[in-house]
Amino acid sequence: MNTSGEFDFGRLDDTALLIVREQMRAELEALAPHSLRHAQLSARYDVSTAEINERARAAWAKEMRMLR
C-alpha cells in the first residue's frame, strides 16, 4: 500500500499484476453492479489498468529507441 492507503500495483511484477487483475475481475463479475464494493473494486481495477498501460507505454518507447 502507498501512503494514501491504496495498493501500489507498481510493486508487483508483471505476472503477479496479471494474477491480481484476474482475481479482481472474477470478484467484480460476482458482485452486484451498483453495490459500494463493486464501485470500490472497479476503481481499484482502473488503477491497475493505468499501471498496465504505463508499463506497455514504457516497453514500447524502449523498443522504439532501440530500433533507431
N, C-alpha and C. Protein backbone atom coordinates (compact mmCIF):
# COMPACT_ATOMS: atom_id res chain seq x y z
N MET A 1 0.84 -1.18 0.00
CA MET A 1 0.00 0.00 0.00
C MET A 1 0.88 1.24 0.00
N ASN A 2 0.36 2.29 -0.62
CA ASN A 2 1.10 3.54 -0.58
C ASN A 2 0.58 4.40 0.57
N THR A 3 1.07 5.62 0.66
CA THR A 3 0.70 6.47 1.79
C THR A 3 -0.77 6.86 1.81
N SER A 4 -1.45 6.81 0.67
CA SER A 4 -2.87 7.15 0.64
C SER A 4 -3.76 5.97 1.02
N GLY A 5 -3.14 4.81 1.30
CA GLY A 5 -3.90 3.64 1.69
C GLY A 5 -4.31 2.76 0.53
N GLU A 6 -3.92 3.14 -0.70
CA GLU A 6 -4.24 2.32 -1.87
C GLU A 6 -3.09 1.38 -2.15
N PHE A 7 -3.41 0.24 -2.73
CA PHE A 7 -2.40 -0.74 -3.09
C PHE A 7 -1.52 -0.18 -4.20
N ASP A 8 -0.22 -0.38 -4.11
CA ASP A 8 0.73 0.10 -5.11
C ASP A 8 1.00 -1.02 -6.10
N PHE A 9 0.30 -0.99 -7.22
CA PHE A 9 0.45 -2.04 -8.23
C PHE A 9 1.84 -2.02 -8.85
N GLY A 10 2.53 -0.89 -8.77
CA GLY A 10 3.87 -0.78 -9.32
C GLY A 10 4.88 -1.68 -8.62
N ARG A 11 4.55 -2.15 -7.45
CA ARG A 11 5.47 -3.02 -6.71
C ARG A 11 5.38 -4.47 -7.16
N LEU A 12 4.37 -4.81 -7.96
CA LEU A 12 4.19 -6.18 -8.42
C LEU A 12 4.93 -6.41 -9.73
N ASP A 13 5.45 -7.63 -9.92
CA ASP A 13 5.99 -7.95 -11.24
C ASP A 13 4.81 -8.20 -12.18
N ASP A 14 5.11 -8.34 -13.46
CA ASP A 14 4.05 -8.47 -14.46
C ASP A 14 3.12 -9.64 -14.18
N THR A 15 3.68 -10.78 -13.85
CA THR A 15 2.87 -11.97 -13.59
C THR A 15 1.94 -11.76 -12.41
N ALA A 16 2.47 -11.24 -11.33
CA ALA A 16 1.66 -11.00 -10.13
C ALA A 16 0.55 -9.98 -10.41
N LEU A 17 0.87 -8.95 -11.18
CA LEU A 17 -0.13 -7.94 -11.53
C LEU A 17 -1.28 -8.57 -12.33
N LEU A 18 -0.94 -9.41 -13.27
CA LEU A 18 -1.99 -10.06 -14.07
C LEU A 18 -2.84 -11.00 -13.22
N ILE A 19 -2.23 -11.68 -12.28
CA ILE A 19 -2.98 -12.57 -11.38
C ILE A 19 -3.94 -11.78 -10.51
N VAL A 20 -3.46 -10.67 -9.95
CA VAL A 20 -4.31 -9.83 -9.10
C VAL A 20 -5.48 -9.29 -9.93
N ARG A 21 -5.21 -8.86 -11.16
CA ARG A 21 -6.29 -8.34 -12.01
C ARG A 21 -7.32 -9.43 -12.33
N GLU A 22 -6.85 -10.64 -12.56
CA GLU A 22 -7.76 -11.76 -12.82
C GLU A 22 -8.67 -12.00 -11.61
N GLN A 23 -8.09 -11.95 -10.43
CA GLN A 23 -8.87 -12.13 -9.20
C GLN A 23 -9.89 -11.00 -9.02
N MET A 24 -9.46 -9.77 -9.27
CA MET A 24 -10.39 -8.65 -9.15
C MET A 24 -11.53 -8.76 -10.16
N ARG A 25 -11.20 -9.15 -11.39
CA ARG A 25 -12.21 -9.30 -12.44
C ARG A 25 -13.24 -10.35 -12.04
N ALA A 26 -12.78 -11.47 -11.50
CA ALA A 26 -13.70 -12.53 -11.06
C ALA A 26 -14.61 -12.02 -9.95
N GLU A 27 -14.04 -11.27 -9.01
CA GLU A 27 -14.86 -10.73 -7.92
C GLU A 27 -15.86 -9.71 -8.45
N LEU A 28 -15.42 -8.86 -9.39
CA LEU A 28 -16.34 -7.87 -9.97
C LEU A 28 -17.54 -8.54 -10.63
N GLU A 29 -17.28 -9.63 -11.33
CA GLU A 29 -18.36 -10.34 -12.01
C GLU A 29 -19.37 -10.94 -11.04
N ALA A 30 -18.92 -11.23 -9.82
CA ALA A 30 -19.79 -11.84 -8.82
C ALA A 30 -20.56 -10.81 -7.99
N LEU A 31 -20.12 -9.56 -8.03
CA LEU A 31 -20.75 -8.52 -7.21
C LEU A 31 -21.95 -7.88 -7.92
N ALA A 32 -22.87 -7.38 -7.13
CA ALA A 32 -23.98 -6.61 -7.69
C ALA A 32 -23.41 -5.34 -8.33
N PRO A 33 -23.80 -5.03 -9.56
CA PRO A 33 -23.20 -3.92 -10.30
C PRO A 33 -23.27 -2.55 -9.61
N HIS A 34 -24.28 -2.30 -8.84
CA HIS A 34 -24.44 -0.97 -8.23
C HIS A 34 -24.08 -0.96 -6.75
N SER A 35 -23.38 -2.00 -6.29
CA SER A 35 -23.00 -2.05 -4.88
C SER A 35 -21.78 -1.18 -4.62
N LEU A 36 -21.63 -0.79 -3.38
CA LEU A 36 -20.47 0.01 -2.98
C LEU A 36 -19.18 -0.77 -3.22
N ARG A 37 -19.16 -2.04 -2.88
CA ARG A 37 -17.96 -2.86 -3.07
C ARG A 37 -17.58 -2.95 -4.54
N HIS A 38 -18.58 -3.04 -5.42
CA HIS A 38 -18.31 -3.08 -6.86
C HIS A 38 -17.66 -1.78 -7.30
N ALA A 39 -18.18 -0.67 -6.83
CA ALA A 39 -17.62 0.63 -7.19
C ALA A 39 -16.18 0.77 -6.69
N GLN A 40 -15.93 0.34 -5.46
CA GLN A 40 -14.59 0.42 -4.89
C GLN A 40 -13.61 -0.47 -5.66
N LEU A 41 -14.03 -1.69 -5.93
CA LEU A 41 -13.15 -2.63 -6.64
C LEU A 41 -12.95 -2.19 -8.08
N SER A 42 -13.97 -1.63 -8.69
CA SER A 42 -13.85 -1.14 -10.05
C SER A 42 -12.83 0.00 -10.12
N ALA A 43 -12.85 0.88 -9.13
CA ALA A 43 -11.87 1.97 -9.08
C ALA A 43 -10.45 1.41 -8.92
N ARG A 44 -10.31 0.40 -8.08
CA ARG A 44 -9.00 -0.23 -7.89
C ARG A 44 -8.55 -0.92 -9.18
N TYR A 45 -9.47 -1.56 -9.87
CA TYR A 45 -9.16 -2.22 -11.14
C TYR A 45 -8.69 -1.18 -12.17
N ASP A 46 -9.34 -0.01 -12.16
CA ASP A 46 -8.93 1.07 -13.06
C ASP A 46 -7.49 1.51 -12.79
N VAL A 47 -7.10 1.56 -11.52
CA VAL A 47 -5.73 1.91 -11.16
C VAL A 47 -4.76 0.85 -11.70
N SER A 48 -5.15 -0.41 -11.62
CA SER A 48 -4.29 -1.47 -12.15
C SER A 48 -4.20 -1.38 -13.67
N THR A 49 -5.27 -0.95 -14.31
CA THR A 49 -5.25 -0.75 -15.77
C THR A 49 -4.27 0.35 -16.13
N ALA A 50 -4.27 1.42 -15.37
CA ALA A 50 -3.33 2.52 -15.60
C ALA A 50 -1.88 2.02 -15.47
N GLU A 51 -1.64 1.15 -14.51
CA GLU A 51 -0.29 0.58 -14.32
C GLU A 51 0.09 -0.27 -15.54
N ILE A 52 -0.82 -1.08 -16.01
CA ILE A 52 -0.55 -1.91 -17.20
C ILE A 52 -0.27 -1.01 -18.41
N ASN A 53 -1.07 0.02 -18.59
CA ASN A 53 -0.89 0.93 -19.71
C ASN A 53 0.48 1.62 -19.64
N GLU A 54 0.88 2.03 -18.44
CA GLU A 54 2.18 2.68 -18.27
C GLU A 54 3.32 1.72 -18.58
N ARG A 55 3.21 0.49 -18.14
CA ARG A 55 4.25 -0.50 -18.45
C ARG A 55 4.33 -0.75 -19.95
N ALA A 56 3.20 -0.86 -20.60
CA ALA A 56 3.18 -1.08 -22.05
C ALA A 56 3.78 0.13 -22.77
N ARG A 57 3.43 1.34 -22.33
CA ARG A 57 3.98 2.54 -22.95
C ARG A 57 5.50 2.57 -22.80
N ALA A 58 5.99 2.28 -21.61
CA ALA A 58 7.43 2.30 -21.36
C ALA A 58 8.14 1.24 -22.20
N ALA A 59 7.58 0.05 -22.28
CA ALA A 59 8.19 -1.02 -23.08
C ALA A 59 8.20 -0.65 -24.56
N TRP A 60 7.13 -0.06 -25.04
CA TRP A 60 7.05 0.33 -26.44
C TRP A 60 8.06 1.43 -26.73
N ALA A 61 8.15 2.42 -25.84
CA ALA A 61 9.10 3.52 -26.03
C ALA A 61 10.53 2.99 -26.04
N LYS A 62 10.84 2.06 -25.15
CA LYS A 62 12.18 1.47 -25.10
C LYS A 62 12.49 0.74 -26.41
N GLU A 63 11.52 -0.01 -26.88
CA GLU A 63 11.70 -0.75 -28.14
C GLU A 63 11.92 0.21 -29.30
N MET A 64 11.18 1.29 -29.34
CA MET A 64 11.32 2.27 -30.42
C MET A 64 12.70 2.92 -30.39
N ARG A 65 13.21 3.22 -29.19
CA ARG A 65 14.55 3.80 -29.07
C ARG A 65 15.61 2.82 -29.57
N MET A 66 15.41 1.54 -29.34
CA MET A 66 16.37 0.52 -29.77
C MET A 66 16.37 0.35 -31.29
N LEU A 67 15.27 0.65 -31.93
CA LEU A 67 15.17 0.49 -33.38
C LEU A 67 15.78 1.65 -34.14
N ARG A 68 16.07 2.73 -33.47
CA ARG A 68 16.63 3.91 -34.15
C ARG A 68 18.10 3.76 -34.41
